[in-house]
PDB file of N, CA and C in Angstrom:
ATOM      1  N   MET A   1       0.845  -1.175   0.000  1.00  0.00           N
ATOM      2  CA  MET A   1       0.000   0.000   0.000  1.00  0.00           C
ATOM      3  C   MET A   1       0.889   1.237   0.000  1.00  0.00           C
ATOM      4  N   GLU A   2       0.584   2.153  -0.867  1.00  0.00           N
ATOM      5  CA  GLU A   2       1.345   3.401  -0.968  1.00  0.00           C
ATOM      6  C   GLU A   2       0.956   4.353   0.164  1.00  0.00           C
ATOM      7  N   ASN A   3       1.917   5.137   0.629  1.00  0.00           N
ATOM      8  CA  ASN A   3       1.635   6.078   1.704  1.00  0.00           C
ATOM      9  C   ASN A   3       0.604   7.121   1.279  1.00  0.00           C
ATOM     10  N   THR A   4       0.554   7.443  -0.005  1.00  0.00           N
ATOM     11  CA  THR A   4      -0.434   8.423  -0.465  1.00  0.00           C
ATOM     12  C   THR A   4      -1.858   7.880  -0.336  1.00  0.00           C
ATOM     13  N   GLU A   5      -2.020   6.561  -0.437  1.00  0.00           N
ATOM     14  CA  GLU A   5      -3.346   5.955  -0.272  1.00  0.00           C
ATOM     15  C   GLU A   5      -3.873   6.154   1.138  1.00  0.00           C
ATOM     16  N   VAL A   6      -2.986   6.076   2.110  1.00  0.00           N
ATOM     17  CA  VAL A   6      -3.395   6.243   3.503  1.00  0.00           C
ATOM     18  C   VAL A   6      -3.970   7.640   3.691  1.00  0.00           C
ATOM     19  N   LYS A   7      -3.237   8.640   3.251  1.00  0.00           N
ATOM     20  CA  LYS A   7      -3.684  10.021   3.427  1.00  0.00           C
ATOM     21  C   LYS A   7      -4.964  10.296   2.631  1.00  0.00           C
ATOM     22  N   LYS A   8      -5.034   9.812   1.407  1.00  0.00           N
ATOM     23  CA  LYS A   8      -6.232  10.029   0.589  1.00  0.00           C
ATOM     24  C   LYS A   8      -7.460   9.393   1.234  1.00  0.00           C
ATOM     25  N   THR A   9      -7.288   8.192   1.763  1.00  0.00           N
ATOM     26  CA  THR A   9      -8.403   7.508   2.409  1.00  0.00           C
ATOM     27  C   THR A   9      -8.842   8.267   3.656  1.00  0.00           C
ATOM     28  N   ARG A  10      -7.880   8.666   4.464  1.00  0.00           N
ATOM     29  CA  ARG A  10      -8.200   9.417   5.685  1.00  0.00           C
ATOM     30  C   ARG A  10      -8.916  10.715   5.354  1.00  0.00           C
ATOM     31  N   GLU A  11      -8.405  11.442   4.377  1.00  0.00           N
ATOM     32  CA  GLU A  11      -9.026  12.710   4.002  1.00  0.00           C
ATOM     33  C   GLU A  11     -10.391  12.508   3.368  1.00  0.00           C
ATOM     34  N   ALA A  12     -10.550  11.446   2.578  1.00  0.00           N
ATOM     35  CA  ALA A  12     -11.848  11.163   1.967  1.00  0.00           C
ATOM     36  C   ALA A  12     -12.901  10.863   3.028  1.00  0.00           C
ATOM     37  N   LEU A  13     -12.470  10.297   4.146  1.00  0.00           N
ATOM     38  CA  LEU A  13     -13.393  10.032   5.256  1.00  0.00           C
ATOM     39  C   LEU A  13     -13.640  11.287   6.094  1.00  0.00           C
ATOM     40  N   GLY A  14     -12.870  12.340   5.828  1.00  0.00           N
ATOM     41  CA  GLY A  14     -13.029  13.586   6.564  1.00  0.00           C
ATOM     42  C   GLY A  14     -12.498  13.507   7.981  1.00  0.00           C
ATOM     43  N   LEU A  15     -11.487  12.679   8.193  1.00  0.00           N
ATOM     44  CA  LEU A  15     -10.944  12.473   9.528  1.00  0.00           C
ATOM     45  C   LEU A  15      -9.550  13.064   9.651  1.00  0.00           C
ATOM     46  N   ASN A  16      -9.251  13.562  10.847  1.00  0.00           N
ATOM     47  CA  ASN A  16      -7.875  13.988  11.114  1.00  0.00           C
ATOM     48  C   ASN A  16      -7.079  12.751  11.535  1.00  0.00           C
ATOM     49  N   GLN A  17      -5.785  12.918  11.712  1.00  0.00           N
ATOM     50  CA  GLN A  17      -4.944  11.770  12.059  1.00  0.00           C
ATOM     51  C   GLN A  17      -5.346  11.113  13.379  1.00  0.00           C
ATOM     52  N   PRO A  18      -5.650  11.877  14.445  1.00  0.00           N
ATOM     53  CA  PRO A  18      -6.047  11.218  15.693  1.00  0.00           C
ATOM     54  C   PRO A  18      -7.338  10.384  15.567  1.00  0.00           C
ATOM     55  N   LEU A  19      -8.332  10.891  14.841  1.00  0.00           N
ATOM     56  CA  LEU A  19      -9.567  10.117  14.673  1.00  0.00           C
ATOM     57  C   LEU A  19      -9.345   8.887  13.803  1.00  0.00           C
ATOM     58  N   PHE A  20      -8.550   9.045  12.762  1.00  0.00           N
ATOM     59  CA  PHE A  20      -8.251   7.902  11.905  1.00  0.00           C
ATOM     60  C   PHE A  20      -7.458   6.860  12.681  1.00  0.00           C
ATOM     61  N   ALA A  21      -6.543   7.321  13.529  1.00  0.00           N
ATOM     62  CA  ALA A  21      -5.767   6.407  14.371  1.00  0.00           C
ATOM     63  C   ALA A  21      -6.691   5.643  15.312  1.00  0.00           C
ATOM     64  N   GLN A  22      -7.669   6.330  15.880  1.00  0.00           N
ATOM     65  CA  GLN A  22      -8.637   5.677  16.752  1.00  0.00           C
ATOM     66  C   GLN A  22      -9.385   4.595  15.990  1.00  0.00           C
ATOM     67  N   LEU A  23      -9.781   4.904  14.790  1.00  0.00           N
ATOM     68  CA  LEU A  23     -10.488   3.943  13.959  1.00  0.00           C
ATOM     69  C   LEU A  23      -9.630   2.722  13.663  1.00  0.00           C
ATOM     70  N   MET A  24      -8.361   2.946  13.420  1.00  0.00           N
ATOM     71  CA  MET A  24      -7.443   1.856  13.090  1.00  0.00           C
ATOM     72  C   MET A  24      -6.899   1.141  14.323  1.00  0.00           C
ATOM     73  N   GLY A  25      -7.109   1.716  15.495  1.00  0.00           N
ATOM     74  CA  GLY A  25      -6.601   1.102  16.716  1.00  0.00           C
ATOM     75  C   GLY A  25      -5.096   1.270  16.892  1.00  0.00           C
ATOM     76  N   VAL A  26      -4.587   2.397  16.401  1.00  0.00           N
ATOM     77  CA  VAL A  26      -3.156   2.690  16.507  1.00  0.00           C
ATOM     78  C   VAL A  26      -2.964   4.090  17.076  1.00  0.00           C
ATOM     79  N   HIS A  27      -1.742   4.439  17.357  1.00  0.00           N
ATOM     80  CA  HIS A  27      -1.399   5.775  17.848  1.00  0.00           C
ATOM     81  C   HIS A  27      -1.381   6.748  16.662  1.00  0.00           C
ATOM     82  N   PRO A  28      -1.762   8.016  16.878  1.00  0.00           N
ATOM     83  CA  PRO A  28      -1.713   8.994  15.790  1.00  0.00           C
ATOM     84  C   PRO A  28      -0.337   9.113  15.133  1.00  0.00           C
ATOM     85  N   ILE A  29       0.726   8.896  15.891  1.00  0.00           N
ATOM     86  CA  ILE A  29       2.067   8.949  15.303  1.00  0.00           C
ATOM     87  C   ILE A  29       2.238   7.849  14.259  1.00  0.00           C
ATOM     88  N   THR A  30       1.603   6.710  14.483  1.00  0.00           N
ATOM     89  CA  THR A  30       1.670   5.617  13.506  1.00  0.00           C
ATOM     90  C   THR A  30       1.042   6.045  12.185  1.00  0.00           C
ATOM     91  N   VAL A  31      -0.100   6.724  12.257  1.00  0.00           N
ATOM     92  CA  VAL A  31      -0.746   7.211  11.035  1.00  0.00           C
ATOM     93  C   VAL A  31       0.174   8.200  10.326  1.00  0.00           C
ATOM     94  N   SER A  32       0.795   9.077  11.081  1.00  0.00           N
ATOM     95  CA  SER A  32       1.739  10.034  10.497  1.00  0.00           C
ATOM     96  C   SER A  32       2.877   9.314   9.782  1.00  0.00           C
ATOM     97  N   LYS A  33       3.395   8.265  10.416  1.00  0.00           N
ATOM     98  CA  LYS A  33       4.483   7.494   9.798  1.00  0.00           C
ATOM     99  C   LYS A  33       4.020   6.809   8.521  1.00  0.00           C
ATOM    100  N   TRP A  34       2.791   6.289   8.525  1.00  0.00           N
ATOM    101  CA  TRP A  34       2.261   5.659   7.309  1.00  0.00           C
ATOM    102  C   TRP A  34       2.176   6.687   6.186  1.00  0.00           C
ATOM    103  N   GLU A  35       1.658   7.870   6.522  1.00  0.00           N
ATOM    104  CA  GLU A  35       1.461   8.901   5.505  1.00  0.00           C
ATOM    105  C   GLU A  35       2.782   9.437   4.957  1.00  0.00           C
ATOM    106  N   ARG A  36       3.820   9.392   5.761  1.00  0.00           N
ATOM    107  CA  ARG A  36       5.143   9.842   5.309  1.00  0.00           C
ATOM    108  C   ARG A  36       5.932   8.731   4.654  1.00  0.00           C
ATOM    109  N   GLY A  37       5.438   7.509   4.712  1.00  0.00           N
ATOM    110  CA  GLY A  37       6.140   6.382   4.117  1.00  0.00           C
ATOM    111  C   GLY A  37       7.251   5.834   4.993  1.00  0.00           C
ATOM    112  N   ALA A  38       7.294   6.253   6.268  1.00  0.00           N
ATOM    113  CA  ALA A  38       8.328   5.779   7.181  1.00  0.00           C
ATOM    114  C   ALA A  38       8.082   4.329   7.594  1.00  0.00           C
ATOM    115  N   THR A  39       6.814   3.955   7.709  1.00  0.00           N
ATOM    116  CA  THR A  39       6.425   2.572   7.998  1.00  0.00           C
ATOM    117  C   THR A  39       5.207   2.245   7.143  1.00  0.00           C
ATOM    118  N   SER A  40       4.826   0.980   7.145  1.00  0.00           N
ATOM    119  CA  SER A  40       3.665   0.542   6.370  1.00  0.00           C
ATOM    120  C   SER A  40       2.683  -0.194   7.278  1.00  0.00           C
ATOM    121  N   PRO A  41       1.402  -0.137   6.938  1.00  0.00           N
ATOM    122  CA  PRO A  41       0.425  -0.892   7.705  1.00  0.00           C
ATOM    123  C   PRO A  41       0.653  -2.398   7.533  1.00  0.00           C
ATOM    124  N   THR A  42       0.220  -3.157   8.529  1.00  0.00           N
ATOM    125  CA  THR A  42       0.286  -4.614   8.440  1.00  0.00           C
ATOM    126  C   THR A  42      -0.759  -5.092   7.437  1.00  0.00           C
ATOM    127  N   PRO A  43      -0.664  -6.319   6.973  1.00  0.00           N
ATOM    128  CA  PRO A  43      -1.705  -6.848   6.077  1.00  0.00           C
ATOM    129  C   PRO A  43      -3.105  -6.773   6.700  1.00  0.00           C
ATOM    130  N   TYR A  44      -3.201  -7.003   7.994  1.00  0.00           N
ATOM    131  CA  TYR A  44      -4.482  -6.904   8.701  1.00  0.00           C
ATOM    132  C   TYR A  44      -5.024  -5.476   8.614  1.00  0.00           C
ATOM    133  N   GLN A  45      -4.163  -4.486   8.848  1.00  0.00           N
ATOM    134  CA  GLN A  45      -4.576  -3.092   8.769  1.00  0.00           C
ATOM    135  C   GLN A  45      -4.922  -2.698   7.339  1.00  0.00           C
ATOM    136  N   GLU A  46      -4.209  -3.260   6.383  1.00  0.00           N
ATOM    137  CA  GLU A  46      -4.518  -2.975   4.978  1.00  0.00           C
ATOM    138  C   GLU A  46      -5.914  -3.467   4.615  1.00  0.00           C
ATOM    139  N   ALA A  47      -6.326  -4.585   5.188  1.00  0.00           N
ATOM    140  CA  ALA A  47      -7.677  -5.094   4.936  1.00  0.00           C
ATOM    141  C   ALA A  47      -8.722  -4.086   5.413  1.00  0.00           C
ATOM    142  N   PHE A  48      -8.460  -3.457   6.564  1.00  0.00           N
ATOM    143  CA  PHE A  48      -9.362  -2.406   7.045  1.00  0.00           C
ATOM    144  C   PHE A  48      -9.376  -1.227   6.077  1.00  0.00           C
ATOM    145  N   PHE A  49      -8.209  -0.848   5.587  1.00  0.00           N
ATOM    146  CA  PHE A  49      -8.137   0.275   4.654  1.00  0.00           C
ATOM    147  C   PHE A  49      -9.055   0.053   3.458  1.00  0.00           C
ATOM    148  N   HIS A  50      -9.062  -1.154   2.946  1.00  0.00           N
ATOM    149  CA  HIS A  50      -9.907  -1.426   1.779  1.00  0.00           C
ATOM    150  C   HIS A  50     -11.380  -1.211   2.109  1.00  0.00           C
ATOM    151  N   GLN A  51     -11.795  -1.569   3.305  1.00  0.00           N
ATOM    152  CA  GLN A  51     -13.173  -1.315   3.722  1.00  0.00           C
ATOM    153  C   GLN A  51     -13.425   0.181   3.875  1.00  0.00           C
ATOM    154  N   PHE A  52     -12.448   0.905   4.393  1.00  0.00           N
ATOM    155  CA  PHE A  52     -12.600   2.339   4.564  1.00  0.00           C
ATOM    156  C   PHE A  52     -12.642   3.055   3.216  1.00  0.00           C
ATOM    157  N   GLN A  53     -11.926   2.525   2.239  1.00  0.00           N
ATOM    158  CA  GLN A  53     -11.967   3.113   0.899  1.00  0.00           C
ATOM    159  C   GLN A  53     -13.364   2.972   0.311  1.00  0.00           C
ATOM    160  N   ILE A  54     -14.021   1.855   0.571  1.00  0.00           N
ATOM    161  CA  ILE A  54     -15.413   1.673   0.134  1.00  0.00           C
ATOM    162  C   ILE A  54     -16.301   2.685   0.837  1.00  0.00           C
ATOM    163  N   ALA A  55     -16.121   2.830   2.138  1.00  0.00           N
ATOM    164  CA  ALA A  55     -16.938   3.759   2.920  1.00  0.00           C
ATOM    165  C   ALA A  55     -16.735   5.201   2.472  1.00  0.00           C
ATOM    166  N   ALA A  56     -15.524   5.543   2.088  1.00  0.00           N
ATOM    167  CA  ALA A  56     -15.236   6.915   1.675  1.00  0.00           C
ATOM    168  C   ALA A  56     -16.025   7.302   0.429  1.00  0.00           C
ATOM    169  N   LYS A  57     -16.414   6.323  -0.365  1.00  0.00           N
ATOM    170  CA  LYS A  57     -17.166   6.596  -1.590  1.00  0.00           C
ATOM    171  C   LYS A  57     -18.660   6.687  -1.337  1.00  0.00           C
ATOM    172  N   ASP A  58     -19.111   6.262  -0.170  1.00  0.00           N
ATOM    173  CA  ASP A  58     -20.530   6.246   0.164  1.00  0.00           C
ATOM    174  C   ASP A  58     -20.799   7.346   1.185  1.00  0.00           C
ATOM    175  N   LYS A  59     -21.441   8.422   0.755  1.00  0.00           N
ATOM    176  CA  LYS A  59     -21.654   9.597   1.607  1.00  0.00           C
ATOM    177  C   LYS A  59     -22.392   9.244   2.890  1.00  0.00           C
ATOM    178  N   GLU A  60     -23.414   8.414   2.799  1.00  0.00           N
ATOM    179  CA  GLU A  60     -24.190   8.061   3.992  1.00  0.00           C
ATOM    180  C   GLU A  60     -23.325   7.310   5.007  1.00  0.00           C
ATOM    181  N   VAL A  61     -22.557   6.338   4.532  1.00  0.00           N
ATOM    182  CA  VAL A  61     -21.672   5.586   5.424  1.00  0.00           C
ATOM    183  C   VAL A  61     -20.604   6.510   5.983  1.00  0.00           C
ATOM    184  N   HIS A  62     -20.071   7.372   5.132  1.00  0.00           N
ATOM    185  CA  HIS A  62     -19.037   8.324   5.545  1.00  0.00           C
ATOM    186  C   HIS A  62     -19.531   9.192   6.694  1.00  0.00           C
ATOM    187  N   ASP A  63     -20.704   9.775   6.554  1.00  0.00           N
ATOM    188  CA  ASP A  63     -21.236  10.661   7.594  1.00  0.00           C
ATOM    189  C   ASP A  63     -21.540   9.900   8.876  1.00  0.00           C
ATOM    190  N   THR A  64     -22.088   8.695   8.744  1.00  0.00           N
ATOM    191  CA  THR A  64     -22.384   7.875   9.919  1.00  0.00           C
ATOM    192  C   THR A  64     -21.096   7.502  10.637  1.00  0.00           C
ATOM    193  N   LEU A  65     -20.104   7.095   9.870  1.00  0.00           N
ATOM    194  CA  LEU A  65     -18.821   6.698  10.441  1.00  0.00           C
ATOM    195  C   LEU A  65     -18.205   7.831  11.251  1.00  0.00           C
ATOM    196  N   LYS A  66     -18.182   9.010  10.685  1.00  0.00           N
ATOM    197  CA  LYS A  66     -17.577  10.148  11.385  1.00  0.00           C
ATOM    198  C   LYS A  66     -18.341  10.455  12.669  1.00  0.00           C
ATOM    199  N   GLY A  67     -19.660  10.448  12.602  1.00  0.00           N
ATOM    200  CA  GLY A  67     -20.456  10.708  13.797  1.00  0.00           C
ATOM    201  C   GLY A  67     -20.247   9.674  14.882  1.00  0.00           C
ATOM    202  N   VAL A  68     -20.172   8.434  14.489  1.00  0.00           N
ATOM    203  CA  VAL A  68     -19.970   7.358  15.462  1.00  0.00           C
ATOM    204  C   VAL A  68     -18.585   7.462  16.086  1.00  0.00           C
ATOM    205  N   LEU A  69     -17.584   7.736  15.274  1.00  0.00           N
ATOM    206  CA  LEU A  69     -16.231   7.866  15.813  1.00  0.00           C
ATOM    207  C   LEU A  69     -16.167   8.956  16.865  1.00  0.00           C
ATOM    208  N   ILE A  70     -16.790  10.057  16.582  1.00  0.00           N
ATOM    209  CA  ILE A  70     -16.747  11.171  17.513  1.00  0.00           C
ATOM    210  C   ILE A  70     -17.580  10.859  18.753  1.00  0.00           C
ATOM    211  N   GLY A  71     -18.722  10.201  18.545  1.00  0.00           N
ATOM    212  CA  GLY A  71     -19.628   9.972  19.659  1.00  0.00           C
ATOM    213  C   GLY A  71     -19.428   8.687  20.431  1.00  0.00           C
ATOM    214  N   ALA A  72     -19.180   7.585  19.756  1.00  0.00           N
ATOM    215  CA  ALA A  72     -19.213   6.299  20.448  1.00  0.00           C
ATOM    216  C   ALA A  72     -17.918   5.505  20.396  1.00  0.00           C
ATOM    217  N   GLY A  73     -17.088   5.746  19.438  1.00  0.00           N
ATOM    218  CA  GLY A  73     -15.827   5.021  19.402  1.00  0.00           C
ATOM    219  C   GLY A  73     -15.658   4.128  18.204  1.00  0.00           C
ATOM    220  N   ALA A  74     -14.480   3.597  18.099  1.00  0.00           N
ATOM    221  CA  ALA A  74     -14.056   2.857  16.917  1.00  0.00           C
ATOM    222  C   ALA A  74     -14.749   1.514  16.758  1.00  0.00           C
ATOM    223  N   VAL A  75     -15.101   0.844  17.834  1.00  0.00           N
ATOM    224  CA  VAL A  75     -15.689  -0.487  17.709  1.00  0.00           C
ATOM    225  C   VAL A  75     -17.005  -0.431  16.947  1.00  0.00           C
ATOM    226  N   VAL A  76     -17.859   0.497  17.312  1.00  0.00           N
ATOM    227  CA  VAL A  76     -19.141   0.625  16.625  1.00  0.00           C
ATOM    228  C   VAL A  76     -18.919   1.049  15.176  1.00  0.00           C
ATOM    229  N   ALA A  77     -17.968   1.942  14.946  1.00  0.00           N
ATOM    230  CA  ALA A  77     -17.675   2.393  13.582  1.00  0.00           C
ATOM    231  C   ALA A  77     -17.229   1.229  12.711  1.00  0.00           C
ATOM    232  N   ILE A  78     -16.392   0.371  13.241  1.00  0.00           N
ATOM    233  CA  ILE A  78     -15.919  -0.780  12.477  1.00  0.00           C
ATOM    234  C   ILE A  78     -17.080  -1.719  12.163  1.00  0.00           C
ATOM    235  N   LEU A  79     -17.956  -1.947  13.130  1.00  0.00           N
ATOM    236  CA  LEU A  79     -19.122  -2.795  12.882  1.00  0.00           C
ATOM    237  C   LEU A  79     -20.004  -2.216  11.786  1.00  0.00           C
ATOM    238  N   LEU A  80     -20.215  -0.907  11.804  1.00  0.00           N
ATOM    239  CA  LEU A  80     -21.000  -0.266  10.746  1.00  0.00           C
ATOM    240  C   LEU A  80     -20.342  -0.434   9.377  1.00  0.00           C
ATOM    241  N   LEU A  81     -19.038  -0.273   9.332  1.00  0.00           N
ATOM    242  CA  LEU A  81     -18.307  -0.456   8.077  1.00  0.00           C
ATOM    243  C   LEU A  81     -18.452  -1.875   7.553  1.00  0.00           C
ATOM    244  N   LEU A  82     -18.282  -2.830   8.425  1.00  0.00           N
ATOM    245  CA  LEU A  82     -18.389  -4.227   8.003  1.00  0.00           C
ATOM    246  C   LEU A  82     -19.798  -4.547   7.515  1.00  0.00           C
ATOM    247  N   ASN A  83     -20.816  -4.045   8.209  1.00  0.00           N
ATOM    248  CA  ASN A  83     -22.190  -4.261   7.767  1.00  0.00           C
ATOM    249  C   ASN A  83     -22.457  -3.609   6.418  1.00  0.00           C
ATOM    250  N   ALA A  84     -21.958  -2.383   6.242  1.00  0.00           N
ATOM    251  CA  ALA A  84     -22.157  -1.688   4.968  1.00  0.00           C
ATOM    252  C   ALA A  84     -21.448  -2.416   3.831  1.00  0.00           C
ATOM    253  N   ALA A  85     -20.253  -2.904   4.092  1.00  0.00           N
ATOM    254  CA  ALA A  85     -19.504  -3.619   3.066  1.00  0.00           C
ATOM    255  C   ALA A  85     -20.201  -4.933   2.705  1.00  0.00           C
ATOM    256  N   ALA A  86     -20.725  -5.619   3.701  1.00  0.00           N
ATOM    257  CA  ALA A  86     -21.419  -6.876   3.440  1.00  0.00           C
ATOM    258  C   ALA A  86     -22.696  -6.645   2.651  1.00  0.00           C
ATOM    259  N   ALA A  87     -23.377  -5.545   2.909  1.00  0.00           N
ATOM    260  CA  ALA A  87     -24.615  -5.238   2.200  1.00  0.00           C
ATOM    261  C   ALA A  87     -24.363  -4.875   0.741  1.00  0.00           C
ATOM    262  N   LYS A  88     -23.206  -4.367   0.428  1.00  0.00           N
ATOM    263  CA  LYS A  88     -22.894  -3.954  -0.940  1.00  0.00           C
ATOM    264  C   LYS A  88     -22.425  -5.094  -1.823  1.00  0.00           C
ATOM    265  N   LYS A  89     -22.106  -6.243  -1.213  1.00  0.00           N
ATOM    266  CA  LYS A  89     -21.600  -7.379  -1.995  1.00  0.00           C
ATOM    267  C   LYS A  89     -22.695  -8.105  -2.681  1.00  0.00           C
TER     268      LYS A  89
END
């Protein structure tokens, strides 16, 4: 995964680095390192990115995801993403 993909995905979701880090279950510095190309996400984290890329294209999922992250936390946001991805298949 290219470091530019990380930043594009995060920005498409309308999230800053700390919120995106919360969603990914990592420290904000880790997101910064990914975006600078200093480190790369694990294959497990890359699988999440692919789901987030789908969500970034769906305005309704995008808005719900951001609201949930701010209000309830990453676990609920991930469940919503997985449900949305399963419904689109």
